[in-house]
Full PDB file with SEQRES, HELIX, SHEET, SSBOND, CRYST1, ORIGX, SCALE, CONECT and MASTER records, all heavy atoms in Angstrom:
SEQRES   1 A   31  TRP ASP HIS SER ARG PHE TRP PHE TRP SER ASP LEU GLY          
SEQRES   2 A   31  LEU GLY LEU ALA GLY LEU VAL ALA VAL HIS TRP ARG ARG          
SEQRES   3 A   31  ARG PHE PRO VAL THR                                          
HELIX    1 AA1 ARG A    5  ALA A   21  1                                  17    
HELIX    2 AA2 VAL A   22  TRP A   24  5                                   3    
CRYST1    1.000    1.000    1.000  90.00  90.00  90.00 P 1           1          
ORIGX1      1.000000  0.000000  0.000000        0.00000                         
ORIGX2      0.000000  1.000000  0.000000        0.00000                         
ORIGX3      0.000000  0.000000  1.000000        0.00000                         
SCALE1      1.000000  0.000000  0.000000        0.00000                         
SCALE2      0.000000  1.000000  0.000000        0.00000                         
SCALE3      0.000000  0.000000  1.000000        0.00000                         
ATOM      1  N   TRP A   1      -4.422  13.642   5.674  1.00  0.00           N  
ATOM      2  CA  TRP A   1      -3.543  14.625   5.012  1.00  0.00           C  
ATOM      3  C   TRP A   1      -3.732  16.018   5.599  1.00  0.00           C  
ATOM      4  O   TRP A   1      -2.761  16.775   5.764  1.00  0.00           O  
ATOM      5  CB  TRP A   1      -3.843  14.627   3.513  1.00  0.00           C  
ATOM      6  CG  TRP A   1      -2.967  15.575   2.740  1.00  0.00           C  
ATOM      7  CD1 TRP A   1      -3.287  16.827   2.335  1.00  0.00           C  
ATOM      8  CD2 TRP A   1      -1.637  15.324   2.306  1.00  0.00           C  
ATOM      9  NE1 TRP A   1      -2.242  17.403   1.671  1.00  0.00           N  
ATOM     10  CE2 TRP A   1      -1.189  16.484   1.624  1.00  0.00           C  
ATOM     11  CE3 TRP A   1      -0.761  14.250   2.429  1.00  0.00           C  
ATOM     12  CZ2 TRP A   1       0.072  16.594   1.069  1.00  0.00           C  
ATOM     13  CZ3 TRP A   1       0.495  14.361   1.868  1.00  0.00           C  
ATOM     14  CH2 TRP A   1       0.906  15.507   1.193  1.00  0.00           C  
ATOM     15  N   ASP A   2      -4.971  16.307   5.971  1.00  0.00           N  
ATOM     16  CA  ASP A   2      -5.252  17.643   6.507  1.00  0.00           C  
ATOM     17  C   ASP A   2      -4.925  17.756   7.984  1.00  0.00           C  
ATOM     18  O   ASP A   2      -4.542  18.856   8.448  1.00  0.00           O  
ATOM     19  CB  ASP A   2      -6.725  17.999   6.287  1.00  0.00           C  
ATOM     20  CG  ASP A   2      -7.057  18.139   4.813  1.00  0.00           C  
ATOM     21  OD1 ASP A   2      -6.130  18.458   4.021  1.00  0.00           O  
ATOM     22  OD2 ASP A   2      -8.226  17.908   4.443  1.00  0.00           O  
ATOM     23  N   HIS A   3      -5.032  16.704   8.745  1.00  0.00           N  
ATOM     24  CA  HIS A   3      -4.919  16.811  10.198  1.00  0.00           C  
ATOM     25  C   HIS A   3      -3.728  16.056  10.772  1.00  0.00           C  
ATOM     26  O   HIS A   3      -3.258  16.394  11.876  1.00  0.00           O  
ATOM     27  CB  HIS A   3      -6.201  16.290  10.869  1.00  0.00           C  
ATOM     28  CG  HIS A   3      -7.429  17.052  10.521  1.00  0.00           C  
ATOM     29  ND1 HIS A   3      -8.168  16.808   9.381  1.00  0.00           N  
ATOM     30  CD2 HIS A   3      -8.048  18.095  11.161  1.00  0.00           C  
ATOM     31  CE1 HIS A   3      -9.189  17.640   9.330  1.00  0.00           C  
ATOM     32  NE2 HIS A   3      -9.139  18.454  10.395  1.00  0.00           N  
ATOM     33  N   SER A   4      -3.255  14.996  10.114  1.00  0.00           N  
ATOM     34  CA  SER A   4      -2.138  14.217  10.685  1.00  0.00           C  
ATOM     35  C   SER A   4      -1.320  13.607   9.545  1.00  0.00           C  
ATOM     36  O   SER A   4      -1.584  12.485   9.095  1.00  0.00           O  
ATOM     37  CB  SER A   4      -2.682  13.121  11.619  1.00  0.00           C  
ATOM     38  OG  SER A   4      -1.616  12.344  12.132  1.00  0.00           O  
ATOM     39  N   ARG A   5      -0.329  14.384   9.101  1.00  0.00           N  
ATOM     40  CA  ARG A   5       0.502  13.885   8.001  1.00  0.00           C  
ATOM     41  C   ARG A   5       1.290  12.636   8.406  1.00  0.00           C  
ATOM     42  O   ARG A   5       1.533  11.746   7.596  1.00  0.00           O  
ATOM     43  CB  ARG A   5       1.479  14.985   7.557  1.00  0.00           C  
ATOM     44  CG  ARG A   5       0.833  16.208   6.970  1.00  0.00           C  
ATOM     45  CD  ARG A   5       0.248  15.873   5.599  1.00  0.00           C  
ATOM     46  NE  ARG A   5      -0.401  17.036   5.015  1.00  0.00           N  
ATOM     47  CZ  ARG A   5       0.214  17.936   4.248  1.00  0.00           C  
ATOM     48  NH1 ARG A   5       1.512  17.804   3.993  1.00  0.00           N  
ATOM     49  NH2 ARG A   5      -0.450  18.955   3.753  1.00  0.00           N  
ATOM     50  N   PHE A   6       1.666  12.565   9.684  1.00  0.00           N  
ATOM     51  CA  PHE A   6       2.412  11.400  10.156  1.00  0.00           C  
ATOM     52  C   PHE A   6       1.576  10.134  10.010  1.00  0.00           C  
ATOM     53  O   PHE A   6       2.064   9.087   9.575  1.00  0.00           O  
ATOM     54  CB  PHE A   6       2.839  11.587  11.618  1.00  0.00           C  
ATOM     55  CG  PHE A   6       3.513  10.373  12.198  1.00  0.00           C  
ATOM     56  CD1 PHE A   6       4.839  10.083  11.884  1.00  0.00           C  
ATOM     57  CD2 PHE A   6       2.815   9.508  13.043  1.00  0.00           C  
ATOM     58  CE1 PHE A   6       5.460   8.966  12.416  1.00  0.00           C  
ATOM     59  CE2 PHE A   6       3.438   8.390  13.565  1.00  0.00           C  
ATOM     60  CZ  PHE A   6       4.756   8.115  13.259  1.00  0.00           C  
ATOM     61  N   TRP A   7       0.301  10.218  10.397  1.00  0.00           N  
ATOM     62  CA  TRP A   7      -0.587   9.066  10.258  1.00  0.00           C  
ATOM     63  C   TRP A   7      -0.761   8.710   8.776  1.00  0.00           C  
ATOM     64  O   TRP A   7      -0.798   7.534   8.414  1.00  0.00           O  
ATOM     65  CB  TRP A   7      -1.929   9.399  10.919  1.00  0.00           C  
ATOM     66  CG  TRP A   7      -2.853   8.215  11.026  1.00  0.00           C  
ATOM     67  CD1 TRP A   7      -2.564   6.929  10.761  1.00  0.00           C  
ATOM     68  CD2 TRP A   7      -4.209   8.239  11.436  1.00  0.00           C  
ATOM     69  NE1 TRP A   7      -3.654   6.121  10.970  1.00  0.00           N  
ATOM     70  CE2 TRP A   7      -4.686   6.916  11.392  1.00  0.00           C  
ATOM     71  CE3 TRP A   7      -5.079   9.277  11.859  1.00  0.00           C  
ATOM     72  CZ2 TRP A   7      -5.999   6.573  11.732  1.00  0.00           C  
ATOM     73  CZ3 TRP A   7      -6.377   8.927  12.199  1.00  0.00           C  
ATOM     74  CH2 TRP A   7      -6.843   7.580  12.135  1.00  0.00           C  
ATOM     75  N   PHE A   8      -0.849   9.736   7.932  1.00  0.00           N  
ATOM     76  CA  PHE A   8      -1.018   9.489   6.498  1.00  0.00           C  
ATOM     77  C   PHE A   8       0.146   8.666   5.954  1.00  0.00           C  
ATOM     78  O   PHE A   8      -0.040   7.640   5.287  1.00  0.00           O  
ATOM     79  CB  PHE A   8      -1.127  10.815   5.756  1.00  0.00           C  
ATOM     80  CG  PHE A   8      -1.213  10.664   4.254  1.00  0.00           C  
ATOM     81  CD1 PHE A   8      -2.433  10.498   3.626  1.00  0.00           C  
ATOM     82  CD2 PHE A   8      -0.054  10.686   3.467  1.00  0.00           C  
ATOM     83  CE1 PHE A   8      -2.509  10.369   2.242  1.00  0.00           C  
ATOM     84  CE2 PHE A   8      -0.128  10.556   2.100  1.00  0.00           C  
ATOM     85  CZ  PHE A   8      -1.353  10.387   1.471  1.00  0.00           C  
ATOM     86  N   TRP A   9       1.371   9.160   6.239  1.00  0.00           N  
ATOM     87  CA  TRP A   9       2.534   8.442   5.707  1.00  0.00           C  
ATOM     88  C   TRP A   9       2.730   7.092   6.387  1.00  0.00           C  
ATOM     89  O   TRP A   9       3.177   6.130   5.737  1.00  0.00           O  
ATOM     90  CB  TRP A   9       3.785   9.299   5.846  1.00  0.00           C  
ATOM     91  CG  TRP A   9       3.751  10.530   4.987  1.00  0.00           C  
ATOM     92  CD1 TRP A   9       3.689  11.832   5.403  1.00  0.00           C  
ATOM     93  CD2 TRP A   9       3.770  10.556   3.561  1.00  0.00           C  
ATOM     94  NE1 TRP A   9       3.664  12.694   4.338  1.00  0.00           N  
ATOM     95  CE2 TRP A   9       3.712  11.930   3.175  1.00  0.00           C  
ATOM     96  CE3 TRP A   9       3.813   9.598   2.567  1.00  0.00           C  
ATOM     97  CZ2 TRP A   9       3.710  12.344   1.845  1.00  0.00           C  
ATOM     98  CZ3 TRP A   9       3.823  10.013   1.250  1.00  0.00           C  
ATOM     99  CH2 TRP A   9       3.764  11.342   0.889  1.00  0.00           C  
ATOM    100  N   SER A  10       2.410   7.017   7.659  1.00  0.00           N  
ATOM    101  CA  SER A  10       2.509   5.725   8.356  1.00  0.00           C  
ATOM    102  C   SER A  10       1.506   4.725   7.771  1.00  0.00           C  
ATOM    103  O   SER A  10       1.829   3.550   7.548  1.00  0.00           O  
ATOM    104  CB  SER A  10       2.255   5.903   9.852  1.00  0.00           C  
ATOM    105  OG  SER A  10       3.201   6.764  10.422  1.00  0.00           O  
ATOM    106  N   ASP A  11       0.283   5.215   7.549  1.00  0.00           N  
ATOM    107  CA  ASP A  11      -0.744   4.349   6.948  1.00  0.00           C  
ATOM    108  C   ASP A  11      -0.298   3.863   5.576  1.00  0.00           C  
ATOM    109  O   ASP A  11      -0.384   2.674   5.238  1.00  0.00           O  
ATOM    110  CB  ASP A  11      -2.054   5.130   6.848  1.00  0.00           C  
ATOM    111  CG  ASP A  11      -3.245   4.222   6.595  1.00  0.00           C  
ATOM    112  OD1 ASP A  11      -3.093   3.240   5.830  1.00  0.00           O  
ATOM    113  OD2 ASP A  11      -4.323   4.477   7.152  1.00  0.00           O  
ATOM    114  N   LEU A  12       0.200   4.781   4.767  1.00  0.00           N  
ATOM    115  CA  LEU A  12       0.653   4.417   3.423  1.00  0.00           C  
ATOM    116  C   LEU A  12       1.832   3.443   3.481  1.00  0.00           C  
ATOM    117  O   LEU A  12       1.895   2.471   2.711  1.00  0.00           O  
ATOM    118  CB  LEU A  12       1.047   5.677   2.662  1.00  0.00           C  
ATOM    119  CG  LEU A  12       1.563   5.459   1.229  1.00  0.00           C  
ATOM    120  CD1 LEU A  12       0.506   4.773   0.369  1.00  0.00           C  
ATOM    121  CD2 LEU A  12       1.986   6.793   0.613  1.00  0.00           C  
ATOM    122  N   GLY A  13       2.775   3.700   4.413  1.00  0.00           N  
ATOM    123  CA  GLY A  13       3.939   2.807   4.531  1.00  0.00           C  
ATOM    124  C   GLY A  13       3.545   1.396   4.927  1.00  0.00           C  
ATOM    125  O   GLY A  13       4.057   0.405   4.381  1.00  0.00           O  
ATOM    126  N   LEU A  14       2.633   1.295   5.931  1.00  0.00           N  
ATOM    127  CA  LEU A  14       2.185  -0.044   6.336  1.00  0.00           C  
ATOM    128  C   LEU A  14       1.437  -0.749   5.216  1.00  0.00           C  
ATOM    129  O   LEU A  14       1.555  -1.958   5.030  1.00  0.00           O  
ATOM    130  CB  LEU A  14       1.296   0.071   7.578  1.00  0.00           C  
ATOM    131  CG  LEU A  14       2.008   0.470   8.879  1.00  0.00           C  
ATOM    132  CD1 LEU A  14       0.990   0.699   9.995  1.00  0.00           C  
ATOM    133  CD2 LEU A  14       3.007  -0.611   9.287  1.00  0.00           C  
ATOM    134  N   GLY A  15       0.661   0.007   4.434  1.00  0.00           N  
ATOM    135  CA  GLY A  15      -0.060  -0.599   3.306  1.00  0.00           C  
ATOM    136  C   GLY A  15       0.888  -1.140   2.249  1.00  0.00           C  
ATOM    137  O   GLY A  15       0.701  -2.247   1.725  1.00  0.00           O  
ATOM    138  N   LEU A  16       1.945  -0.334   1.937  1.00  0.00           N  
ATOM    139  CA  LEU A  16       2.923  -0.801   0.954  1.00  0.00           C  
ATOM    140  C   LEU A  16       3.708  -2.007   1.475  1.00  0.00           C  
ATOM    141  O   LEU A  16       4.016  -2.941   0.716  1.00  0.00           O  
ATOM    142  CB  LEU A  16       3.881   0.338   0.598  1.00  0.00           C  
ATOM    143  CG  LEU A  16       3.251   1.515  -0.173  1.00  0.00           C  
ATOM    144  CD1 LEU A  16       4.289   2.627  -0.369  1.00  0.00           C  
ATOM    145  CD2 LEU A  16       2.696   1.048  -1.507  1.00  0.00           C  
ATOM    146  N   ALA A  17       4.049  -1.986   2.765  1.00  0.00           N  
ATOM    147  CA  ALA A  17       4.751  -3.131   3.351  1.00  0.00           C  
ATOM    148  C   ALA A  17       3.887  -4.399   3.286  1.00  0.00           C  
ATOM    149  O   ALA A  17       4.373  -5.495   2.989  1.00  0.00           O  
ATOM    150  CB  ALA A  17       5.140  -2.818   4.796  1.00  0.00           C  
ATOM    151  N   GLY A  18       2.580  -4.228   3.577  1.00  0.00           N  
ATOM    152  CA  GLY A  18       1.674  -5.374   3.474  1.00  0.00           C  
ATOM    153  C   GLY A  18       1.552  -5.875   2.045  1.00  0.00           C  
ATOM    154  O   GLY A  18       1.463  -7.090   1.799  1.00  0.00           O  
ATOM    155  N   LEU A  19       1.568  -4.933   1.078  1.00  0.00           N  
ATOM    156  CA  LEU A  19       1.485  -5.315  -0.331  1.00  0.00           C  
ATOM    157  C   LEU A  19       2.698  -6.148  -0.738  1.00  0.00           C  
ATOM    158  O   LEU A  19       2.577  -7.091  -1.537  1.00  0.00           O  
ATOM    159  CB  LEU A  19       1.394  -4.055  -1.190  1.00  0.00           C  
ATOM    160  CG  LEU A  19       1.070  -4.258  -2.680  1.00  0.00           C  
ATOM    161  CD1 LEU A  19      -0.310  -4.867  -2.846  1.00  0.00           C  
ATOM    162  CD2 LEU A  19       1.156  -2.931  -3.426  1.00  0.00           C  
ATOM    163  N   VAL A  20       3.865  -5.804  -0.191  1.00  0.00           N  
ATOM    164  CA  VAL A  20       5.072  -6.599  -0.464  1.00  0.00           C  
ATOM    165  C   VAL A  20       5.025  -7.933   0.274  1.00  0.00           C  
ATOM    166  O   VAL A  20       5.410  -8.975  -0.260  1.00  0.00           O  
ATOM    167  CB  VAL A  20       6.326  -5.799  -0.071  1.00  0.00           C  
ATOM    168  CG1 VAL A  20       7.578  -6.655  -0.211  1.00  0.00           C  
ATOM    169  CG2 VAL A  20       6.452  -4.542  -0.919  1.00  0.00           C  
ATOM    170  N   ALA A  21       4.523  -7.898   1.519  1.00  0.00           N  
ATOM    171  CA  ALA A  21       4.528  -9.117   2.337  1.00  0.00           C  
ATOM    172  C   ALA A  21       3.641 -10.218   1.771  1.00  0.00           C  
ATOM    173  O   ALA A  21       3.948 -11.406   1.911  1.00  0.00           O  
ATOM    174  CB  ALA A  21       4.096  -8.779   3.762  1.00  0.00           C  
ATOM    175  N   VAL A  22       2.515  -9.833   1.126  1.00  0.00           N  
ATOM    176  CA  VAL A  22       1.611 -10.880   0.630  1.00  0.00           C  
ATOM    177  C   VAL A  22       2.243 -11.699  -0.492  1.00  0.00           C  
ATOM    178  O   VAL A  22       1.703 -12.745  -0.878  1.00  0.00           O  
ATOM    179  CB  VAL A  22       0.278 -10.258   0.130  1.00  0.00           C  
ATOM    180  CG1 VAL A  22      -0.515  -9.680   1.282  1.00  0.00           C  
ATOM    181  CG2 VAL A  22       0.529  -9.208  -0.948  1.00  0.00           C  
ATOM    182  N   HIS A  23       3.386 -11.239  -1.002  1.00  0.00           N  
ATOM    183  CA  HIS A  23       4.077 -12.051  -2.004  1.00  0.00           C  
ATOM    184  C   HIS A  23       4.517 -13.382  -1.408  1.00  0.00           C  
ATOM    185  O   HIS A  23       4.642 -14.380  -2.118  1.00  0.00           O  
ATOM    186  CB  HIS A  23       5.286 -11.279  -2.536  1.00  0.00           C  
ATOM    187  CG  HIS A  23       6.085 -12.050  -3.543  1.00  0.00           C  
ATOM    188  ND1 HIS A  23       5.640 -12.290  -4.835  1.00  0.00           N  
ATOM    189  CD2 HIS A  23       7.302 -12.650  -3.442  1.00  0.00           C  
ATOM    190  CE1 HIS A  23       6.543 -13.003  -5.483  1.00  0.00           C  
ATOM    191  NE2 HIS A  23       7.571 -13.227  -4.664  1.00  0.00           N  
ATOM    192  N   TRP A  24       4.784 -13.435  -0.082  1.00  0.00           N  
ATOM    193  CA  TRP A  24       5.216 -14.659   0.602  1.00  0.00           C  
ATOM    194  C   TRP A  24       4.083 -15.301   1.396  1.00  0.00           C  
ATOM    195  O   TRP A  24       4.335 -16.060   2.331  1.00  0.00           O  
ATOM    196  CB  TRP A  24       6.376 -14.332   1.540  1.00  0.00           C  
ATOM    197  CG  TRP A  24       7.642 -13.979   0.804  1.00  0.00           C  
ATOM    198  CD1 TRP A  24       8.546 -14.845   0.262  1.00  0.00           C  
ATOM    199  CD2 TRP A  24       8.139 -12.676   0.536  1.00  0.00           C  
ATOM    200  NE1 TRP A  24       9.574 -14.157  -0.336  1.00  0.00           N  
ATOM    201  CE2 TRP A  24       9.356 -12.814  -0.182  1.00  0.00           C  
ATOM    202  CE3 TRP A  24       7.681 -11.383   0.809  1.00  0.00           C  
ATOM    203  CZ2 TRP A  24      10.107 -11.739  -0.624  1.00  0.00           C  
ATOM    204  CZ3 TRP A  24       8.429 -10.309   0.368  1.00  0.00           C  
ATOM    205  CH2 TRP A  24       9.623 -10.483  -0.333  1.00  0.00           C  
ATOM    206  N   ARG A  25       2.844 -15.000   1.034  1.00  0.00           N  
ATOM    207  CA  ARG A  25       1.709 -15.528   1.802  1.00  0.00           C  
ATOM    208  C   ARG A  25       1.594 -17.056   1.709  1.00  0.00           C  
ATOM    209  O   ARG A  25       1.015 -17.688   2.609  1.00  0.00           O  
ATOM    210  CB  ARG A  25       0.404 -14.885   1.307  1.00  0.00           C  
ATOM    211  CG  ARG A  25       0.040 -15.251  -0.130  1.00  0.00           C  
ATOM    212  CD  ARG A  25      -1.132 -14.427  -0.635  1.00  0.00           C  
ATOM    213  NE  ARG A  25      -1.513 -14.762  -2.004  1.00  0.00           N  
ATOM    214  CZ  ARG A  25      -0.914 -14.312  -3.080  1.00  0.00           C  
ATOM    215  NH1 ARG A  25       0.111 -13.471  -2.947  1.00  0.00           N  
ATOM    216  NH2 ARG A  25      -1.322 -14.672  -4.283  1.00  0.00           N  
ATOM    217  N   ARG A  26       2.095 -17.657   0.644  1.00  0.00           N  
ATOM    218  CA  ARG A  26       2.039 -19.117   0.539  1.00  0.00           C  
ATOM    219  C   ARG A  26       3.158 -19.783   1.327  1.00  0.00           C  
ATOM    220  O   ARG A  26       2.958 -20.874   1.865  1.00  0.00           O  
ATOM    221  CB  ARG A  26       2.141 -19.542  -0.933  1.00  0.00           C  
ATOM    222  CG  ARG A  26       0.900 -19.208  -1.746  1.00  0.00           C  
ATOM    223  CD  ARG A  26       1.017 -19.782  -3.131  1.00  0.00           C  
ATOM    224  NE  ARG A  26      -0.248 -19.733  -3.842  1.00  0.00           N  
ATOM    225  CZ  ARG A  26      -0.462 -20.328  -5.003  1.00  0.00           C  
ATOM    226  NH1 ARG A  26       0.517 -20.997  -5.586  1.00  0.00           N  
ATOM    227  NH2 ARG A  26      -1.633 -20.235  -5.590  1.00  0.00           N  
ATOM    228  N   ARG A  27       4.291 -19.149   1.374  1.00  0.00           N  
ATOM    229  CA  ARG A  27       5.418 -19.722   2.105  1.00  0.00           C  
ATOM    230  C   ARG A  27       5.266 -19.564   3.611  1.00  0.00           C  
ATOM    231  O   ARG A  27       5.603 -20.476   4.375  1.00  0.00           O  
ATOM    232  CB  ARG A  27       6.704 -19.053   1.625  1.00  0.00           C  
ATOM    233  CG  ARG A  27       7.967 -19.721   2.116  1.00  0.00           C  
ATOM    234  CD  ARG A  27       9.189 -19.127   1.448  1.00  0.00           C  
ATOM    235  NE  ARG A  27      10.412 -19.772   1.877  1.00  0.00           N  
ATOM    236  CZ  ARG A  27      11.621 -19.436   1.442  1.00  0.00           C  
ATOM    237  NH1 ARG A  27      11.754 -18.443   0.565  1.00  0.00           N  
ATOM    238  NH2 ARG A  27      12.695 -20.064   1.875  1.00  0.00           N  
ATOM    239  N   PHE A  28       4.749 -18.400   4.040  1.00  0.00           N  
ATOM    240  CA  PHE A  28       4.518 -18.154   5.466  1.00  0.00           C  
ATOM    241  C   PHE A  28       3.081 -17.681   5.645  1.00  0.00           C  
ATOM    242  O   PHE A  28       2.840 -16.496   5.934  1.00  0.00           O  
ATOM    243  CB  PHE A  28       5.498 -17.098   6.002  1.00  0.00           C  
ATOM    244  CG  PHE A  28       6.941 -17.398   5.688  1.00  0.00           C  
ATOM    245  CD1 PHE A  28       7.596 -16.711   4.670  1.00  0.00           C  
ATOM    246  CD2 PHE A  28       7.636 -18.363   6.394  1.00  0.00           C  
ATOM    247  CE1 PHE A  28       8.915 -16.966   4.373  1.00  0.00           C  
ATOM    248  CE2 PHE A  28       8.973 -18.626   6.107  1.00  0.00           C  
ATOM    249  CZ  PHE A  28       9.619 -17.941   5.083  1.00  0.00           C  
ATOM    250  N   PRO A  29       2.090 -18.547   5.487  1.00  0.00           N  
ATOM    251  CA  PRO A  29       0.687 -18.091   5.460  1.00  0.00           C  
ATOM    252  C   PRO A  29       0.222 -17.480   6.771  1.00  0.00           C  
ATOM    253  O   PRO A  29      -0.417 -16.418   6.771  1.00  0.00           O  
ATOM    254  CB  PRO A  29      -0.083 -19.376   5.126  1.00  0.00           C  
ATOM    255  CG  PRO A  29       0.821 -20.496   5.525  1.00  0.00           C  
ATOM    256  CD  PRO A  29       2.210 -20.017   5.298  1.00  0.00           C  
ATOM    257  N   VAL A  30       0.530 -18.129   7.879  1.00  0.00           N  
ATOM    258  CA  VAL A  30       0.046 -17.624   9.172  1.00  0.00           C  
ATOM    259  C   VAL A  30       0.757 -16.319   9.527  1.00  0.00           C  
ATOM    260  O   VAL A  30       0.120 -15.332   9.966  1.00  0.00           O  
ATOM    261  CB  VAL A  30       0.261 -18.682  10.271  1.00  0.00           C  
ATOM    262  CG1 VAL A  30      -0.183 -18.135  11.636  1.00  0.00           C  
ATOM    263  CG2 VAL A  30      -0.505 -19.958   9.937  1.00  0.00           C  
ATOM    264  N   THR A  31       2.058 -16.257   9.349  1.00  0.00           N  
ATOM    265  CA  THR A  31       2.826 -15.061   9.713  1.00  0.00           C  
ATOM    266  C   THR A  31       2.378 -13.845   8.905  1.00  0.00           C  
ATOM    267  O   THR A  31       2.140 -12.755   9.459  1.00  0.00           O  
ATOM    268  CB  THR A  31       4.324 -15.314   9.474  1.00  0.00           C  
ATOM    269  OG1 THR A  31       4.734 -16.445  10.247  1.00  0.00           O  
ATOM    270  CG2 THR A  31       5.145 -14.100   9.865  1.00  0.00           C  
TER     271      THR A  31                                                      
MASTER        0    0    0    2    0    0    0    6  270    1    0    3          
END                                                                             
């Protein structure tokens, strides 16, 4: 937040995307 806001938001975005993706972890476990 102090040194790289882009990394902060990118990190947060990827984390939220992963949180949504794990909903299909049983249907597409390897992917």
